[in-house]
Amino acid sequence: MKVAVIGGTGLLGEGIAAQWQEDELVLAGSRDVDIRERQQIENFLTRHRPEWVVLAAAFTDVDGCERAPEKAEAVNHLGAVQVAEACRDRNTRLLLISTDYVFDGGKQSPYDTDDPINPLSVYALSKAQAESAVRRILPSSCIARVSWLFGAEKKCFANTLLSWAENGQPLRAVVDQRGIPNFNHDTARAVAALVHAGAEGTVHVTNPGEASWYEFACELKRVAGFDAEIEPVRMDDLHRPAGRPHYSAMSDASLRAYGIHLRHWRDALPDFLAQRRNAMATVFANPAS
């Protein structure tokens, strides 16, 4: 099977490149196809003729979306519309990567796929609009909601915290926002399994085990073995432009319905740290790269 991953150079794309071995993959970054440009999408799909498209390309800077709502609309919503329409015209299956931020945090138990959404930010609204449009254009599509992604290859909270610790900088993490950290390699394996299963509808792709950012940071500190103290801070203390749900943990029942079971996020930390050490060793061994 041939699968095209649009957004294939991001954090999830890196996990897909490493974990999705059994099919012919085409990994496309924004330089290969800008989803704001319909002709680029058409040319890309005509050239590669994939059976499935995984749409992971998005403007994911939550506060950046608040400052540039027109870009969020163009990329996250209208870009998804154009990809869905191009896939529909070619009878190509589509899996759209979405987000836990479509929820408002009012629930205090893990969200199911049929729970009502209520986005609190420009970013979340643009992703919610993308979900709705893709369902309308391609009823057989799969919407895969993902949360709190971490991985060794790209910028994420886990890498930022470890860099702060290594450089002797003060460490802090939010104590009153709860969700589920997700290891990008585990998420990638689940996405591949959903494609192989011919998944349709909304699926919550998540490692089990909810935590606050502070609890995640403390567990990362324990496993990594550094001694610095982590300051707990509250969401309101950060004065960020975009609203975020205080609670956005998602149930993995929809994922397990496809026979896909991911490990607890805590169990993924040793693999994440080993990959990070290998990546840093490669950088030091090849300083010009």
Protein backbone atom coordinates (compact mmCIF):
# COMPACT_ATOMS: atom_id res chain seq x y z
CA MET A 1 0.00 0.00 0.00
CA LYS A 2 1.16 3.53 -0.75
CA VAL A 3 0.60 6.16 1.94
CA ALA A 4 1.35 9.87 1.66
CA VAL A 5 1.98 11.77 4.89
CA ILE A 6 1.45 15.50 4.42
CA GLY A 7 3.22 17.11 7.35
CA GLY A 8 5.69 14.27 7.29
CA THR A 9 8.63 16.29 8.63
CA GLY A 10 6.99 17.30 11.93
CA LEU A 11 7.12 15.53 15.28
CA LEU A 12 4.51 12.94 14.36
CA GLY A 13 5.98 12.61 10.86
CA GLU A 14 9.35 11.74 12.38
CA GLY A 15 7.70 8.98 14.40
CA ILE A 16 5.90 7.70 11.32
CA ALA A 17 9.14 7.64 9.32
CA ALA A 18 10.75 5.51 12.04
CA GLN A 19 7.88 3.16 12.83
CA TRP A 20 5.84 2.67 9.63
CA GLN A 21 7.93 0.12 7.78
CA GLU A 22 5.59 -2.20 5.91
CA ASP A 23 4.17 0.17 3.28
CA GLU A 24 5.49 2.56 0.65
CA LEU A 25 5.60 5.96 2.37
CA VAL A 26 5.84 9.42 0.84
CA LEU A 27 6.73 11.95 3.53
CA ALA A 28 5.99 15.51 2.46
CA GLY A 29 6.92 18.68 4.34
CA SER A 30 5.66 22.19 3.67
CA ARG A 31 8.37 22.66 1.05
CA ASP A 32 6.94 19.70 -0.86
CA VAL A 33 3.28 20.66 -0.62
CA ASP A 34 1.73 23.78 0.95
CA ILE A 35 -1.85 22.81 1.76
CA ARG A 36 -2.92 26.44 1.36
CA GLU A 37 -2.24 26.03 -2.38
CA ARG A 38 -4.79 23.80 -4.11
CA GLN A 39 -2.63 23.26 -7.18
CA GLN A 40 0.26 22.00 -5.08
CA ILE A 41 -2.04 19.45 -3.46
CA GLU A 42 -3.39 18.37 -6.85
CA ASN A 43 0.10 18.03 -8.31
CA PHE A 44 1.36 16.08 -5.31
CA LEU A 45 -1.49 13.57 -5.33
CA THR A 46 -1.39 13.19 -9.10
CA ARG A 47 2.35 12.52 -9.00
CA HIS A 48 2.32 9.99 -6.15
CA ARG A 49 -1.19 8.46 -6.37
CA PRO A 50 -1.40 7.23 -2.76
CA GLU A 51 -4.17 4.96 -1.52
CA TRP A 52 -4.23 6.83 1.80
CA VAL A 53 -3.28 10.34 2.88
CA VAL A 54 -2.39 11.10 6.49
CA LEU A 55 -2.85 14.83 6.98
CA ALA A 56 -0.56 15.86 9.84
CA ALA A 57 0.31 19.32 8.49
CA ALA A 58 -1.01 22.08 10.74
CA PHE A 59 -0.23 25.42 12.34
CA THR A 60 0.15 24.02 15.87
CA ASP A 61 1.53 27.04 17.74
CA VAL A 62 -1.51 27.57 19.96
CA ASP A 63 -0.60 31.11 21.00
CA GLY A 64 0.70 31.88 17.50
CA CYS A 65 -2.73 30.99 16.11
CA GLU A 66 -4.30 33.49 18.49
CA ARG A 67 -2.00 36.20 17.10
CA ALA A 68 -2.48 35.12 13.46
CA PRO A 69 -6.04 33.78 13.15
CA GLU A 70 -6.04 34.17 9.38
CA LYS A 71 -3.09 31.79 9.10
CA ALA A 72 -4.78 29.28 11.42
CA GLU A 73 -7.90 29.42 9.25
CA ALA A 74 -5.92 29.09 6.02
CA VAL A 75 -3.79 26.16 7.16
CA ASN A 76 -5.79 24.22 9.73
CA HIS A 77 -9.30 24.63 8.33
CA LEU A 78 -9.22 25.59 4.65
CA GLY A 79 -6.06 23.57 4.01
CA ALA A 80 -7.78 20.47 5.35
CA VAL A 81 -10.81 21.23 3.18
CA GLN A 82 -8.64 21.36 0.06
CA VAL A 83 -6.86 18.10 0.89
CA ALA A 84 -10.19 16.38 1.60
CA GLU A 85 -11.69 17.57 -1.68
CA ALA A 86 -8.64 16.44 -3.64
CA CYS A 87 -8.78 13.02 -1.94
CA ARG A 88 -12.52 12.73 -2.64
CA ASP A 89 -11.95 13.44 -6.33
CA ARG A 90 -9.40 10.60 -6.49
CA ASN A 91 -11.18 8.07 -4.26
CA THR A 92 -8.25 8.34 -1.85
CA ARG A 93 -8.77 7.56 1.85
CA LEU A 94 -7.92 10.28 4.37
CA LEU A 95 -6.85 10.27 8.01
CA LEU A 96 -6.83 13.74 9.60
CA ILE A 97 -4.77 14.39 12.71
CA SER A 98 -6.75 16.53 15.16
CA THR A 99 -6.41 17.55 18.80
CA ASP A 100 -7.74 17.17 22.34
CA TYR A 101 -8.03 20.97 22.48
CA VAL A 102 -11.40 20.78 20.71
CA PHE A 103 -12.78 20.09 24.22
CA ASP A 104 -13.34 22.83 26.80
CA GLY A 105 -12.16 20.92 29.89
CA GLY A 106 -15.50 20.95 31.64
CA LYS A 107 -15.55 17.16 31.99
CA GLN A 108 -13.52 15.55 34.76
CA SER A 109 -13.25 12.07 33.30
CA PRO A 110 -11.63 11.06 29.99
CA TYR A 111 -13.44 12.37 26.94
CA ASP A 112 -15.15 9.93 24.60
CA THR A 113 -15.37 10.52 20.86
CA ASP A 114 -19.06 11.46 21.03
CA ASP A 115 -18.68 14.03 23.81
CA PRO A 116 -19.60 17.56 22.69
CA ILE A 117 -16.75 19.84 21.66
CA ASN A 118 -16.36 23.50 22.62
CA PRO A 119 -13.04 24.99 21.44
CA LEU A 120 -11.52 27.72 23.62
CA SER A 121 -8.94 29.12 21.20
CA VAL A 122 -8.41 30.06 17.57
CA TYR A 123 -6.24 26.97 17.14
CA ALA A 124 -8.86 24.65 18.60
CA LEU A 125 -11.66 26.27 16.58
CA SER A 126 -9.72 25.87 13.33
CA LYS A 127 -9.16 22.17 14.07
CA ALA A 128 -12.81 21.66 15.02
CA GLN A 129 -13.87 23.28 11.76
CA ALA A 130 -11.47 21.01 9.89
CA GLU A 131 -12.99 17.94 11.55
CA SER A 132 -16.51 19.01 10.56
CA ALA A 133 -15.55 19.81 6.98
CA VAL A 134 -13.62 16.58 6.44
CA ARG A 135 -16.53 14.52 7.76
CA ARG A 136 -18.87 16.31 5.35
CA ILE A 137 -16.59 16.00 2.30
CA LEU A 138 -15.35 12.46 3.00
CA PRO A 139 -17.77 10.56 5.24
CA SER A 140 -15.43 7.55 5.18
CA SER A 141 -12.50 9.56 6.57
CA CYS A 142 -10.85 8.94 9.93
CA ILE A 143 -10.38 11.77 12.44
CA ALA A 144 -7.54 10.85 14.80
CA ARG A 145 -7.36 13.13 17.83
CA VAL A 146 -3.94 13.29 19.48
CA SER A 147 -2.75 15.15 22.59
CA TRP A 148 0.44 16.38 24.28
CA LEU A 149 2.84 14.84 21.79
CA PHE A 150 6.47 14.34 22.83
CA GLY A 151 9.42 12.83 21.00
CA ALA A 152 13.17 13.09 20.71
CA GLU A 153 13.32 14.49 17.20
CA LYS A 154 11.63 17.89 17.45
CA LYS A 155 10.75 20.70 19.82
CA CYS A 156 8.29 19.69 22.54
CA PHE A 157 7.79 20.28 26.27
CA ALA A 158 9.86 17.24 27.27
CA ASN A 159 12.88 18.34 25.22
CA THR A 160 12.55 21.92 26.45
CA LEU A 161 12.48 20.81 30.09
CA LEU A 162 15.53 18.59 29.65
CA SER A 163 17.42 21.38 27.86
CA TRP A 164 16.64 23.75 30.73
CA ALA A 165 17.93 21.16 33.22
CA GLU A 166 21.11 20.52 31.22
CA ASN A 167 21.81 24.26 31.00
CA GLY A 168 21.12 24.95 34.67
CA GLN A 169 18.05 27.07 33.93
CA PRO A 170 15.04 27.31 36.27
CA LEU A 171 12.43 24.64 35.65
CA ARG A 172 8.68 25.09 35.86
CA ALA A 173 5.59 23.21 34.75
CA VAL A 174 1.86 23.84 34.86
CA VAL A 175 0.11 22.09 37.73
CA ASP A 176 -3.56 22.76 36.92
CA GLN A 177 -3.80 21.50 33.32
CA ARG A 178 -4.41 17.76 32.98
CA GLY A 179 -4.26 15.59 29.89
CA ILE A 180 -2.29 12.66 28.53
CA PRO A 181 1.31 12.82 27.22
CA ASN A 182 1.73 10.81 24.01
CA PHE A 183 5.01 9.40 22.70
CA ASN A 184 5.25 10.14 18.98
CA HIS A 185 6.54 6.66 18.07
CA ASP A 186 3.60 5.02 19.84
CA THR A 187 1.18 7.42 18.15
CA ALA A 188 2.77 6.62 14.78
CA ARG A 189 2.29 2.88 15.29
CA ALA A 190 -1.36 3.46 16.16
CA VAL A 191 -1.95 5.64 13.09
CA ALA A 192 -0.42 2.96 10.87
CA ALA A 193 -2.64 0.32 12.47
CA LEU A 194 -5.75 2.49 11.90
CA VAL A 195 -4.89 2.86 8.23
CA HIS A 196 -4.38 -0.89 7.88
CA ALA A 197 -7.73 -1.44 9.59
CA GLY A 198 -9.49 0.92 7.16
CA ALA A 199 -10.65 3.03 10.10
CA GLU A 200 -13.56 5.43 9.76
CA GLY A 201 -15.04 8.03 12.10
CA THR A 202 -13.40 9.66 15.12
CA VAL A 203 -10.73 7.83 17.11
CA HIS A 204 -8.84 9.04 20.17
CA VAL A 205 -5.23 7.97 19.63
CA THR A 206 -3.73 8.11 23.08
CA ASN A 207 -1.36 6.43 25.47
CA PRO A 208 -3.16 5.56 28.73
CA GLY A 209 -2.66 7.52 31.94
CA GLU A 210 -3.60 11.13 32.64
CA ALA A 211 -1.29 13.63 34.33
CA SER A 212 -0.70 17.32 34.78
CA TRP A 213 2.23 18.91 32.98
CA TYR A 214 3.87 19.14 36.42
CA GLU A 215 3.37 15.42 37.12
CA PHE A 216 4.73 14.61 33.66
CA ALA A 217 7.77 16.80 34.35
CA CYS A 218 8.41 15.17 37.72
CA GLU A 219 8.24 11.67 36.23
CA LEU A 220 10.56 12.72 33.41
CA LYS A 221 12.95 14.14 36.02
CA ARG A 222 12.90 10.86 37.95
CA VAL A 223 13.55 8.67 34.92
CA ALA A 224 16.20 11.00 33.48
CA GLY A 225 17.89 11.27 36.87
CA PHE A 226 18.44 15.00 37.20
CA ASP A 227 18.26 16.79 40.56
CA ALA A 228 16.93 20.26 39.79
CA GLU A 229 13.70 21.33 41.43
CA ILE A 230 10.64 21.96 39.28
CA GLU A 231 8.46 24.93 40.20
CA PRO A 232 4.71 24.28 39.91
CA VAL A 233 2.89 27.16 38.22
CA ARG A 234 -0.75 27.75 37.37
CA MET A 235 -2.12 28.38 33.90
CA ASP A 236 -3.21 31.89 34.84
CA ASP A 237 0.32 32.74 36.01
CA LEU A 238 1.63 32.41 32.43
CA HIS A 239 -0.71 35.02 30.89
CA ARG A 240 -0.79 33.18 27.56
CA PRO A 241 -2.89 34.63 24.72
CA ALA A 242 -4.84 31.45 23.95
CA GLY A 243 -7.26 29.64 26.21
CA ARG A 244 -6.58 26.01 26.98
CA PRO A 245 -8.77 23.34 28.59
CA HIS A 246 -7.88 22.60 32.20
CA TYR A 247 -8.74 18.96 31.50
CA SER A 248 -8.45 17.21 28.13
CA ALA A 249 -7.60 13.57 28.82
CA MET A 250 -9.18 11.31 26.19
CA SER A 251 -10.46 7.76 26.56
CA ASP A 252 -8.69 5.16 24.43
CA ALA A 253 -11.86 3.05 24.09
CA SER A 254 -12.28 3.99 20.41
CA LEU A 255 -8.68 2.93 19.73
CA ARG A 256 -9.06 -0.35 21.60
CA ALA A 257 -12.19 -1.04 19.54
CA TYR A 258 -9.79 -1.55 16.62
CA GLY A 259 -7.67 -3.92 18.72
CA ILE A 260 -4.95 -1.29 19.19
CA HIS A 261 -3.47 -1.02 22.67
CA LEU A 262 -0.74 1.48 23.57
CA ARG A 263 1.47 1.33 26.65
CA HIS A 264 1.24 3.82 29.50
CA TRP A 265 3.11 7.02 28.70
CA ARG A 266 5.41 6.41 31.69
CA ASP A 267 6.61 3.19 30.09
CA ALA A 268 7.61 5.11 26.94
CA LEU A 269 9.97 7.51 28.75
CA PRO A 270 13.05 5.23 28.68
CA ASP A 271 12.68 4.83 24.89
CA PHE A 272 12.24 8.58 24.49
CA LEU A 273 15.37 9.30 26.55
CA ALA A 274 17.42 6.70 24.67
CA GLN A 275 16.38 8.19 21.33
CA ARG A 276 17.22 11.67 22.60
CA ARG A 277 20.70 10.53 23.69
CA ASN A 278 21.27 8.93 20.29
CA ALA A 279 20.10 12.08 18.50
CA MET A 280 22.41 14.28 20.58
CA ALA A 281 25.33 11.91 20.02
CA THR A 282 24.73 12.12 16.27
CA VAL A 283 24.75 15.91 16.41
CA PHE A 284 28.01 15.98 18.36
CA ALA A 285 29.57 13.42 16.03
CA ASN A 286 28.54 15.47 12.97
CA PRO A 287 28.69 19.11 14.11
CA ALA A 288 28.46 20.47 10.57
CA SER A 289 25.17 18.70 9.82
